[in-house]
Amino acid sequence: MKVYLKIHRRSDMETIACCDEELLNKIFTEGNLRLEIGSAFFGGDLLAIDKAIEILRGASYFNIVGENITNMAIAQKILPKEGVRKINKIPMAMKMMF
C-alpha cells in the first residue's frame, strides 16, 4: 500500500501533506464542501504507508486524506477516530499543534 507524501517548509514550521495513492489529482464535492487533492499540495514522494506513518508520527502539523492513511494513523494512535471528517465518503484529518 502506498501514499503520496510532501513536506512543506515555511520558516521554522513543517506541514506534512499525505494522501492515498489513488486519490491524487481528484476532486470531491458534497453540498458546498469541496476537497481538491491536487499534486501541488499532496504530490510529493510515493512511499510505503509504513514509512509515511513514521514521518507523520513526528509531525506537529499534517493534512491527510484517504481511507488507508487515516485508518493507519488511527491504528497507530497518531490520530483519534473522532478527528476524521468525510467529504463524499472520503476521510480526511488535520493535526495542528500550537
PDB file of N, CA and C in Angstrom:
ATOM      1  N   MET A   1       0.852  -1.170   0.000  1.00  0.00           N
ATOM      2  CA  MET A   1       0.000   0.000   0.000  1.00  0.00           C
ATOM      3  C   MET A   1       0.900   1.236   0.000  1.00  0.00           C
ATOM      4  N   LYS A   2       0.603   2.193  -0.887  1.00  0.00           N
ATOM      5  CA  LYS A   2       1.441   3.379  -0.995  1.00  0.00           C
ATOM      6  C   LYS A   2       0.613   4.651  -0.881  1.00  0.00           C
ATOM      7  N   VAL A   3       1.301   5.712  -0.469  1.00  0.00           N
ATOM      8  CA  VAL A   3       0.694   7.035  -0.329  1.00  0.00           C
ATOM      9  C   VAL A   3       1.663   8.075  -0.873  1.00  0.00           C
ATOM     10  N   TYR A   4       1.103   9.203  -1.290  1.00  0.00           N
ATOM     11  CA  TYR A   4       1.937  10.348  -1.649  1.00  0.00           C
ATOM     12  C   TYR A   4       2.145  11.187  -0.398  1.00  0.00           C
ATOM     13  N   LEU A   5       3.371  11.656  -0.206  1.00  0.00           N
ATOM     14  CA  LEU A   5       3.693  12.480   0.951  1.00  0.00           C
ATOM     15  C   LEU A   5       4.591  13.626   0.504  1.00  0.00           C
ATOM     16  N   LYS A   6       4.224  14.821   0.935  1.00  0.00           N
ATOM     17  CA  LYS A   6       5.007  16.005   0.605  1.00  0.00           C
ATOM     18  C   LYS A   6       5.194  16.826   1.873  1.00  0.00           C
ATOM     19  N   ILE A   7       6.412  17.299   2.081  1.00  0.00           N
ATOM     20  CA  ILE A   7       6.727  18.130   3.244  1.00  0.00           C
ATOM     21  C   ILE A   7       6.834  19.575   2.780  1.00  0.00           C
ATOM     22  N   HIS A   8       6.011  20.424   3.374  1.00  0.00           N
ATOM     23  CA  HIS A   8       6.026  21.853   3.078  1.00  0.00           C
ATOM     24  C   HIS A   8       6.753  22.552   4.226  1.00  0.00           C
ATOM     25  N   ARG A   9       7.790  23.306   3.892  1.00  0.00           N
ATOM     26  CA  ARG A   9       8.564  24.017   4.912  1.00  0.00           C
ATOM     27  C   ARG A   9       8.362  25.518   4.755  1.00  0.00           C
ATOM     28  N   ARG A  10       8.105  26.160   5.882  1.00  0.00           N
ATOM     29  CA  ARG A  10       7.953  27.613   5.899  1.00  0.00           C
ATOM     30  C   ARG A  10       8.512  28.110   7.226  1.00  0.00           C
ATOM     31  N   SER A  11       9.549  28.913   7.141  1.00  0.00           N
ATOM     32  CA  SER A  11      10.256  29.388   8.337  1.00  0.00           C
ATOM     33  C   SER A  11      10.673  28.186   9.174  1.00  0.00           C
ATOM     34  N   ASP A  12      10.198  28.118  10.404  1.00  0.00           N
ATOM     35  CA  ASP A  12      10.567  27.001  11.283  1.00  0.00           C
ATOM     36  C   ASP A  12       9.439  25.983  11.414  1.00  0.00           C
ATOM     37  N   MET A  13       8.506  25.994  10.467  1.00  0.00           N
ATOM     38  CA  MET A  13       7.337  25.115  10.543  1.00  0.00           C
ATOM     39  C   MET A  13       7.299  24.157   9.353  1.00  0.00           C
ATOM     40  N   GLU A  14       6.960  22.917   9.619  1.00  0.00           N
ATOM     41  CA  GLU A  14       6.764  21.921   8.566  1.00  0.00           C
ATOM     42  C   GLU A  14       5.330  21.411   8.617  1.00  0.00           C
ATOM     43  N   THR A  15       4.715  21.332   7.466  1.00  0.00           N
ATOM     44  CA  THR A  15       3.391  20.727   7.342  1.00  0.00           C
ATOM     45  C   THR A  15       3.524  19.547   6.394  1.00  0.00           C
ATOM     46  N   ILE A  16       3.016  18.401   6.822  1.00  0.00           N
ATOM     47  CA  ILE A  16       3.069  17.189   6.018  1.00  0.00           C
ATOM     48  C   ILE A  16       1.718  17.002   5.334  1.00  0.00           C
ATOM     49  N   ALA A  17       1.744  16.839   4.029  1.00  0.00           N
ATOM     50  CA  ALA A  17       0.546  16.534   3.257  1.00  0.00           C
ATOM     51  C   ALA A  17       0.668  15.095   2.772  1.00  0.00           C
ATOM     52  N   CYS A  18      -0.369  14.293   2.993  1.00  0.00           N
ATOM     53  CA  CYS A  18      -0.291  12.875   2.647  1.00  0.00           C
ATOM     54  C   CYS A  18      -1.662  12.393   2.180  1.00  0.00           C
ATOM     55  N   CYS A  19      -1.671  11.651   1.076  1.00  0.00           N
ATOM     56  CA  CYS A  19      -2.934  11.103   0.570  1.00  0.00           C
ATOM     57  C   CYS A  19      -2.715   9.702   0.006  1.00  0.00           C
ATOM     58  N   ASP A  20      -3.774   8.924   0.009  1.00  0.00           N
ATOM     59  CA  ASP A  20      -3.733   7.604  -0.612  1.00  0.00           C
ATOM     60  C   ASP A  20      -3.378   7.755  -2.087  1.00  0.00           C
ATOM     61  N   GLU A  21      -2.622   6.808  -2.604  1.00  0.00           N
ATOM     62  CA  GLU A  21      -2.096   6.869  -3.971  1.00  0.00           C
ATOM     63  C   GLU A  21      -3.171   7.147  -5.021  1.00  0.00           C
ATOM     64  N   GLU A  22      -4.308   6.489  -4.919  1.00  0.00           N
ATOM     65  CA  GLU A  22      -5.329   6.590  -5.967  1.00  0.00           C
ATOM     66  C   GLU A  22      -6.130   7.895  -5.920  1.00  0.00           C
ATOM     67  N   LEU A  23      -5.919   8.727  -4.894  1.00  0.00           N
ATOM     68  CA  LEU A  23      -6.700   9.959  -4.760  1.00  0.00           C
ATOM     69  C   LEU A  23      -6.029  11.195  -5.356  1.00  0.00           C
ATOM     70  N   LEU A  24      -4.743  11.106  -5.671  1.00  0.00           N
ATOM     71  CA  LEU A  24      -4.029  12.276  -6.165  1.00  0.00           C
ATOM     72  C   LEU A  24      -4.689  12.824  -7.437  1.00  0.00           C
ATOM     73  N   ASN A  25      -4.838  14.138  -7.467  1.00  0.00           N
ATOM     74  CA  ASN A  25      -5.427  14.881  -8.593  1.00  0.00           C
ATOM     75  C   ASN A  25      -6.915  14.613  -8.794  1.00  0.00           C
ATOM     76  N   LYS A  26      -7.605  14.291  -7.704  1.00  0.00           N
ATOM     77  CA  LYS A  26      -9.057  14.103  -7.779  1.00  0.00           C
ATOM     78  C   LYS A  26      -9.747  15.194  -6.958  1.00  0.00           C
ATOM     79  N   ILE A  27     -10.984  15.465  -7.300  1.00  0.00           N
ATOM     80  CA  ILE A  27     -11.787  16.467  -6.611  1.00  0.00           C
ATOM     81  C   ILE A  27     -13.090  15.804  -6.162  1.00  0.00           C
ATOM     82  N   PHE A  28     -13.462  16.062  -4.908  1.00  0.00           N
ATOM     83  CA  PHE A  28     -14.695  15.521  -4.344  1.00  0.00           C
ATOM     84  C   PHE A  28     -15.510  16.683  -3.802  1.00  0.00           C
ATOM     85  N   THR A  29     -16.820  16.637  -4.036  1.00  0.00           N
ATOM     86  CA  THR A  29     -17.698  17.669  -3.509  1.00  0.00           C
ATOM     87  C   THR A  29     -18.856  17.027  -2.765  1.00  0.00           C
ATOM     88  N   GLU A  30     -19.354  17.786  -1.801  1.00  0.00           N
ATOM     89  CA  GLU A  30     -20.543  17.365  -1.052  1.00  0.00           C
ATOM     90  C   GLU A  30     -21.213  18.639  -0.571  1.00  0.00           C
ATOM     91  N   GLY A  31     -22.359  18.935  -1.127  1.00  0.00           N
ATOM     92  CA  GLY A  31     -23.019  20.198  -0.808  1.00  0.00           C
ATOM     93  C   GLY A  31     -22.117  21.350  -1.208  1.00  0.00           C
ATOM     94  N   ASN A  32     -21.848  22.253  -0.253  1.00  0.00           N
ATOM     95  CA  ASN A  32     -20.971  23.383  -0.552  1.00  0.00           C
ATOM     96  C   ASN A  32     -19.508  23.100  -0.176  1.00  0.00           C
ATOM     97  N   LEU A  33     -19.189  21.867   0.180  1.00  0.00           N
ATOM     98  CA  LEU A  33     -17.811  21.489   0.513  1.00  0.00           C
ATOM     99  C   LEU A  33     -17.100  20.934  -0.712  1.00  0.00           C
ATOM    100  N   ARG A  34     -15.819  21.249  -0.814  1.00  0.00           N
ATOM    101  CA  ARG A  34     -15.004  20.781  -1.936  1.00  0.00           C
ATOM    102  C   ARG A  34     -13.660  20.315  -1.381  1.00  0.00           C
ATOM    103  N   LEU A  35     -13.258  19.130  -1.769  1.00  0.00           N
ATOM    104  CA  LEU A  35     -11.976  18.562  -1.377  1.00  0.00           C
ATOM    105  C   LEU A  35     -11.170  18.328  -2.647  1.00  0.00           C
ATOM    106  N   GLU A  36     -10.121  19.129  -2.825  1.00  0.00           N
ATOM    107  CA  GLU A  36      -9.273  19.014  -4.003  1.00  0.00           C
ATOM    108  C   GLU A  36      -7.920  18.456  -3.570  1.00  0.00           C
ATOM    109  N   ILE A  37      -7.588  17.295  -4.088  1.00  0.00           N
ATOM    110  CA  ILE A  37      -6.362  16.602  -3.703  1.00  0.00           C
ATOM    111  C   ILE A  37      -5.351  16.792  -4.837  1.00  0.00           C
ATOM    112  N   GLY A  38      -4.876  18.016  -4.945  1.00  0.00           N
ATOM    113  CA  GLY A  38      -4.011  18.386  -6.052  1.00  0.00           C
ATOM    114  C   GLY A  38      -2.554  18.027  -5.839  1.00  0.00           C
ATOM    115  N   SER A  39      -1.853  17.853  -6.939  1.00  0.00           N
ATOM    116  CA  SER A  39      -0.438  17.476  -6.864  1.00  0.00           C
ATOM    117  C   SER A  39       0.433  18.599  -6.319  1.00  0.00           C
ATOM    118  N   ALA A  40       0.008  19.850  -6.432  1.00  0.00           N
ATOM    119  CA  ALA A  40       0.807  20.953  -5.898  1.00  0.00           C
ATOM    120  C   ALA A  40       0.959  20.842  -4.382  1.00  0.00           C
ATOM    121  N   PHE A  41      -0.072  20.371  -3.702  1.00  0.00           N
ATOM    122  CA  PHE A  41      -0.005  20.243  -2.238  1.00  0.00           C
ATOM    123  C   PHE A  41       0.338  18.823  -1.799  1.00  0.00           C
ATOM    124  N   PHE A  42      -0.282  17.826  -2.392  1.00  0.00           N
ATOM    125  CA  PHE A  42      -0.109  16.439  -1.950  1.00  0.00           C
ATOM    126  C   PHE A  42       0.915  15.652  -2.761  1.00  0.00           C
ATOM    127  N   GLY A  43       1.254  16.089  -3.949  1.00  0.00           N
ATOM    128  CA  GLY A  43       2.047  15.285  -4.880  1.00  0.00           C
ATOM    129  C   GLY A  43       3.530  15.279  -4.617  1.00  0.00           C
ATOM    130  N   GLY A  44       3.925  14.670  -3.562  1.00  0.00           N
ATOM    131  CA  GLY A  44       5.342  14.540  -3.244  1.00  0.00           C
ATOM    132  C   GLY A  44       5.866  13.188  -3.661  1.00  0.00           C
ATOM    133  N   ASP A  45       6.523  12.528  -2.734  1.00  0.00           N
ATOM    134  CA  ASP A  45       7.106  11.210  -2.989  1.00  0.00           C
ATOM    135  C   ASP A  45       6.060  10.116  -2.765  1.00  0.00           C
ATOM    136  N   LEU A  46       6.120   9.083  -3.591  1.00  0.00           N
ATOM    137  CA  LEU A  46       5.263   7.913  -3.415  1.00  0.00           C
ATOM    138  C   LEU A  46       5.997   6.960  -2.476  1.00  0.00           C
ATOM    139  N   LEU A  47       5.419   6.752  -1.286  1.00  0.00           N
ATOM    140  CA  LEU A  47       6.078   5.969  -0.232  1.00  0.00           C
ATOM    141  C   LEU A  47       5.208   4.812   0.224  1.00  0.00           C
ATOM    142  N   ALA A  48       5.859   3.815   0.809  1.00  0.00           N
ATOM    143  CA  ALA A  48       5.116   2.763   1.514  1.00  0.00           C
ATOM    144  C   ALA A  48       4.406   3.430   2.690  1.00  0.00           C
ATOM    145  N   ILE A  49       3.225   2.973   2.995  1.00  0.00           N
ATOM    146  CA  ILE A  49       2.422   3.604   4.044  1.00  0.00           C
ATOM    147  C   ILE A  49       3.126   3.565   5.399  1.00  0.00           C
ATOM    148  N   ASP A  50       3.893   2.516   5.681  1.00  0.00           N
ATOM    149  CA  ASP A  50       4.618   2.427   6.959  1.00  0.00           C
ATOM    150  C   ASP A  50       5.644   3.546   7.099  1.00  0.00           C
ATOM    151  N   LYS A  51       6.336   3.870   6.026  1.00  0.00           N
ATOM    152  CA  LYS A  51       7.316   4.957   6.026  1.00  0.00           C
ATOM    153  C   LYS A  51       6.609   6.291   6.257  1.00  0.00           C
ATOM    154  N   ALA A  52       5.472   6.484   5.611  1.00  0.00           N
ATOM    155  CA  ALA A  52       4.699   7.718   5.793  1.00  0.00           C
ATOM    156  C   ALA A  52       4.243   7.867   7.238  1.00  0.00           C
ATOM    157  N   ILE A  53       3.806   6.785   7.849  1.00  0.00           N
ATOM    158  CA  ILE A  53       3.363   6.820   9.249  1.00  0.00           C
ATOM    159  C   ILE A  53       4.500   7.252  10.157  1.00  0.00           C
ATOM    160  N   GLU A  54       5.698   6.771   9.921  1.00  0.00           N
ATOM    161  CA  GLU A  54       6.853   7.172  10.738  1.00  0.00           C
ATOM    162  C   GLU A  54       7.106   8.676  10.616  1.00  0.00           C
ATOM    163  N   ILE A  55       6.958   9.214   9.431  1.00  0.00           N
ATOM    164  CA  ILE A  55       7.138  10.656   9.229  1.00  0.00           C
ATOM    165  C   ILE A  55       6.011  11.433   9.913  1.00  0.00           C
ATOM    166  N   LEU A  56       4.776  10.968   9.762  1.00  0.00           N
ATOM    167  CA  LEU A  56       3.635  11.639  10.387  1.00  0.00           C
ATOM    168  C   LEU A  56       3.711  11.595  11.913  1.00  0.00           C
ATOM    169  N   ARG A  57       4.270  10.543  12.457  1.00  0.00           N
ATOM    170  CA  ARG A  57       4.377  10.385  13.911  1.00  0.00           C
ATOM    171  C   ARG A  57       5.120  11.576  14.537  1.00  0.00           C
ATOM    172  N   GLY A  58       6.106  12.106  13.854  1.00  0.00           N
ATOM    173  CA  GLY A  58       6.883  13.208  14.394  1.00  0.00           C
ATOM    174  C   GLY A  58       6.396  14.588  13.968  1.00  0.00           C
ATOM    175  N   ALA A  59       5.304  14.649  13.238  1.00  0.00           N
ATOM    176  CA  ALA A  59       4.835  15.925  12.685  1.00  0.00           C
ATOM    177  C   ALA A  59       3.971  16.699  13.676  1.00  0.00           C
ATOM    178  N   SER A  60       4.186  18.003  13.736  1.00  0.00           N
ATOM    179  CA  SER A  60       3.316  18.872  14.524  1.00  0.00           C
ATOM    180  C   SER A  60       2.092  19.299  13.723  1.00  0.00           C
ATOM    181  N   TYR A  61       2.248  19.313  12.394  1.00  0.00           N
ATOM    182  CA  TYR A  61       1.166  19.721  11.507  1.00  0.00           C
ATOM    183  C   TYR A  61       1.064  18.718  10.363  1.00  0.00           C
ATOM    184  N   PHE A  62      -0.146  18.224  10.120  1.00  0.00           N
ATOM    185  CA  PHE A  62      -0.339  17.399   8.928  1.00  0.00           C
ATOM    186  C   PHE A  62      -1.748  17.514   8.404  1.00  0.00           C
ATOM    187  N   ASN A  63      -1.876  17.134   7.144  1.00  0.00           N
ATOM    188  CA  ASN A  63      -3.162  17.083   6.461  1.00  0.00           C
ATOM    189  C   ASN A  63      -3.156  15.760   5.699  1.00  0.00           C
ATOM    190  N   ILE A  64      -4.035  14.834   6.081  1.00  0.00           N
ATOM    191  CA  ILE A  64      -4.062  13.516   5.451  1.00  0.00           C
ATOM    192  C   ILE A  64      -5.444  13.251   4.856  1.00  0.00           C
ATOM    193  N   VAL A  65      -5.445  12.535   3.727  1.00  0.00           N
ATOM    194  CA  VAL A  65      -6.694  12.244   3.027  1.00  0.00           C
ATOM    195  C   VAL A  65      -6.658  10.811   2.501  1.00  0.00           C
ATOM    196  N   GLY A  66      -7.726  10.071   2.755  1.00  0.00           N
ATOM    197  CA  GLY A  66      -7.863   8.722   2.220  1.00  0.00           C
ATOM    198  C   GLY A  66      -8.114   7.689   3.287  1.00  0.00           C
ATOM    199  N   GLU A  67      -8.801   6.646   2.885  1.00  0.00           N
ATOM    200  CA  GLU A  67      -9.170   5.558   3.793  1.00  0.00           C
ATOM    201  C   GLU A  67      -7.941   4.874   4.388  1.00  0.00           C
ATOM    202  N   ASN A  68      -6.958   4.570   3.555  1.00  0.00           N
ATOM    203  CA  ASN A  68      -5.789   3.824   4.019  1.00  0.00           C
ATOM    204  C   ASN A  68      -4.960   4.605   5.025  1.00  0.00           C
ATOM    205  N   ILE A  69      -4.604   5.850   4.691  1.00  0.00           N
ATOM    206  CA  ILE A  69      -3.733   6.618   5.579  1.00  0.00           C
ATOM    207  C   ILE A  69      -4.456   7.025   6.857  1.00  0.00           C
ATOM    208  N   THR A  70      -5.732   7.372   6.787  1.00  0.00           N
ATOM    209  CA  THR A  70      -6.437   7.745   8.021  1.00  0.00           C
ATOM    210  C   THR A  70      -6.627   6.535   8.929  1.00  0.00           C
ATOM    211  N   ASN A  71      -6.982   5.383   8.365  1.00  0.00           N
ATOM    212  CA  ASN A  71      -7.134   4.178   9.191  1.00  0.00           C
ATOM    213  C   ASN A  71      -5.822   3.773   9.848  1.00  0.00           C
ATOM    214  N   MET A  72      -4.712   3.880   9.116  1.00  0.00           N
ATOM    215  CA  MET A  72      -3.410   3.526   9.671  1.00  0.00           C
ATOM    216  C   MET A  72      -3.008   4.517  10.768  1.00  0.00           C
ATOM    217  N   ALA A  73      -3.292   5.795  10.562  1.00  0.00           N
ATOM    218  CA  ALA A  73      -2.974   6.805  11.578  1.00  0.00           C
ATOM    219  C   ALA A  73      -3.777   6.555  12.856  1.00  0.00           C
ATOM    220  N   ILE A  74      -5.021   6.145  12.721  1.00  0.00           N
ATOM    221  CA  ILE A  74      -5.846   5.806  13.887  1.00  0.00           C
ATOM    222  C   ILE A  74      -5.280   4.563  14.570  1.00  0.00           C
ATOM    223  N   ALA A  75      -4.966   3.535  13.803  1.00  0.00           N
ATOM    224  CA  ALA A  75      -4.440   2.282  14.365  1.00  0.00           C
ATOM    225  C   ALA A  75      -3.119   2.509  15.099  1.00  0.00           C
ATOM    226  N   GLN A  76      -2.308   3.444  14.602  1.00  0.00           N
ATOM    227  CA  GLN A  76      -1.014   3.735  15.215  1.00  0.00           C
ATOM    228  C   GLN A  76      -1.103   4.813  16.304  1.00  0.00           C
ATOM    229  N   LYS A  77      -2.323   5.223  16.623  1.00  0.00           N
ATOM    230  CA  LYS A  77      -2.602   6.203  17.674  1.00  0.00           C
ATOM    231  C   LYS A  77      -1.963   7.571  17.417  1.00  0.00           C
ATOM    232  N   ILE A  78      -1.856   7.930  16.153  1.00  0.00           N
ATOM    233  CA  ILE A  78      -1.388   9.256  15.763  1.00  0.00           C
ATOM    234  C   ILE A  78      -2.578  10.211  15.700  1.00  0.00           C
ATOM    235  N   LEU A  79      -3.746   9.635  15.531  1.00  0.00           N
ATOM    236  CA  LEU A  79      -4.958  10.397  15.291  1.00  0.00           C
ATOM    237  C   LEU A  79      -6.134   9.684  15.949  1.00  0.00           C
ATOM    238  N   PRO A  80      -6.986  10.418  16.701  1.00  0.00           N
ATOM    239  CA  PRO A  80      -8.199   9.782  17.221  1.00  0.00           C
ATOM    240  C   PRO A  80      -9.237   9.661  16.108  1.00  0.00           C
ATOM    241  N   LYS A  81     -10.030   8.601  16.139  1.00  0.00           N
ATOM    242  CA  LYS A  81     -11.012   8.427  15.066  1.00  0.00           C
ATOM    243  C   LYS A  81     -12.039   9.550  15.046  1.00  0.00           C
ATOM    244  N   GLU A  82     -12.223  10.231  16.166  1.00  0.00           N
ATOM    245  CA  GLU A  82     -13.142  11.365  16.214  1.00  0.00           C
ATOM    246  C   GLU A  82     -12.597  12.569  15.441  1.00  0.00           C
ATOM    247  N   GLY A  83     -11.318  12.545  15.104  1.00  0.00           N
ATOM    248  CA  GLY A  83     -10.695  13.635  14.370  1.00  0.00           C
ATOM    249  C   GLY A  83     -10.862  13.530  12.865  1.00  0.00           C
ATOM    250  N   VAL A  84     -11.504  12.485  12.391  1.00  0.00           N
ATOM    251  CA  VAL A  84     -11.664  12.253  10.953  1.00  0.00           C
ATOM    252  C   VAL A  84     -13.023  12.783  10.493  1.00  0.00           C
ATOM    253  N   ARG A  85     -13.006  13.522   9.412  1.00  0.00           N
ATOM    254  CA  ARG A  85     -14.226  14.006   8.774  1.00  0.00           C
ATOM    255  C   ARG A  85     -14.277  13.433   7.366  1.00  0.00           C
ATOM    256  N   LYS A  86     -15.461  13.376   6.782  1.00  0.00           N
ATOM    257  CA  LYS A  86     -15.597  12.843   5.427  1.00  0.00           C
ATOM    258  C   LYS A  86     -16.295  13.845   4.523  1.00  0.00           C
ATOM    259  N   ILE A  87     -15.788  13.922   3.313  1.00  0.00           N
ATOM    260  CA  ILE A  87     -16.437  14.683   2.253  1.00  0.00           C
ATOM    261  C   ILE A  87     -16.676  13.696   1.120  1.00  0.00           C
ATOM    262  N   ASN A  88     -17.947  13.475   0.800  1.00  0.00           N
ATOM    263  CA  ASN A  88     -18.328  12.495  -0.219  1.00  0.00           C
ATOM    264  C   ASN A  88     -17.682  11.133   0.057  1.00  0.00           C
ATOM    265  N   LYS A  89     -17.709  10.721   1.315  1.00  0.00           N
ATOM    266  CA  LYS A  89     -17.214   9.430   1.800  1.00  0.00           C
ATOM    267  C   LYS A  89     -15.686   9.308   1.806  1.00  0.00           C
ATOM    268  N   ILE A  90     -14.966  10.392   1.520  1.00  0.00           N
ATOM    269  CA  ILE A  90     -13.507  10.370   1.548  1.00  0.00           C
ATOM    270  C   ILE A  90     -13.050  10.920   2.901  1.00  0.00           C
ATOM    271  N   PRO A  91     -12.380  10.087   3.725  1.00  0.00           N
ATOM    272  CA  PRO A  91     -11.940  10.566   5.035  1.00  0.00           C
ATOM    273  C   PRO A  91     -10.739  11.493   4.934  1.00  0.00           C
ATOM    274  N   MET A  92     -10.732  12.484   5.825  1.00  0.00           N
ATOM    275  CA  MET A  92      -9.619  13.420   5.891  1.00  0.00           C
ATOM    276  C   MET A  92      -9.442  13.886   7.341  1.00  0.00           C
ATOM    277  N   ALA A  93      -8.234  14.297   7.651  1.00  0.00           N
ATOM    278  CA  ALA A  93      -7.956  14.791   9.000  1.00  0.00           C
ATOM    279  C   ALA A  93      -6.786  15.760   8.945  1.00  0.00           C
ATOM    280  N   MET A  94      -6.786  16.648   9.940  1.00  0.00           N
ATOM    281  CA  MET A  94      -5.699  17.605  10.073  1.00  0.00           C
ATOM    282  C   MET A  94      -5.210  17.585  11.516  1.00  0.00           C
ATOM    283  N   LYS A  95      -3.923  17.854  11.671  1.00  0.00           N
ATOM    284  CA  LYS A  95      -3.350  17.987  13.003  1.00  0.00           C
ATOM    285  C   LYS A  95      -2.601  19.309  13.046  1.00  0.00           C
ATOM    286  N   MET A  96      -2.894  20.097  14.091  1.00  0.00           N
ATOM    287  CA  MET A  96      -2.191  21.361  14.282  1.00  0.00           C
ATOM    288  C   MET A  96      -1.848  21.493  15.750  1.00  0.00           C
ATOM    289  N   MET A  97      -0.591  21.712  16.047  1.00  0.00           N
ATOM    290  CA  MET A  97      -0.132  21.898  17.425  1.00  0.00           C
ATOM    291  C   MET A  97       0.278  23.358  17.594  1.00  0.00           C
ATOM    292  N   PHE A  98      -0.285  24.017  18.595  1.00  0.00           N
ATOM    293  CA  PHE A  98       0.074  25.419  18.854  1.00  0.00           C
ATOM    294  C   PHE A  98       0.764  25.552  20.176  1.00  0.00           C
TER     295      PHE A  98
END
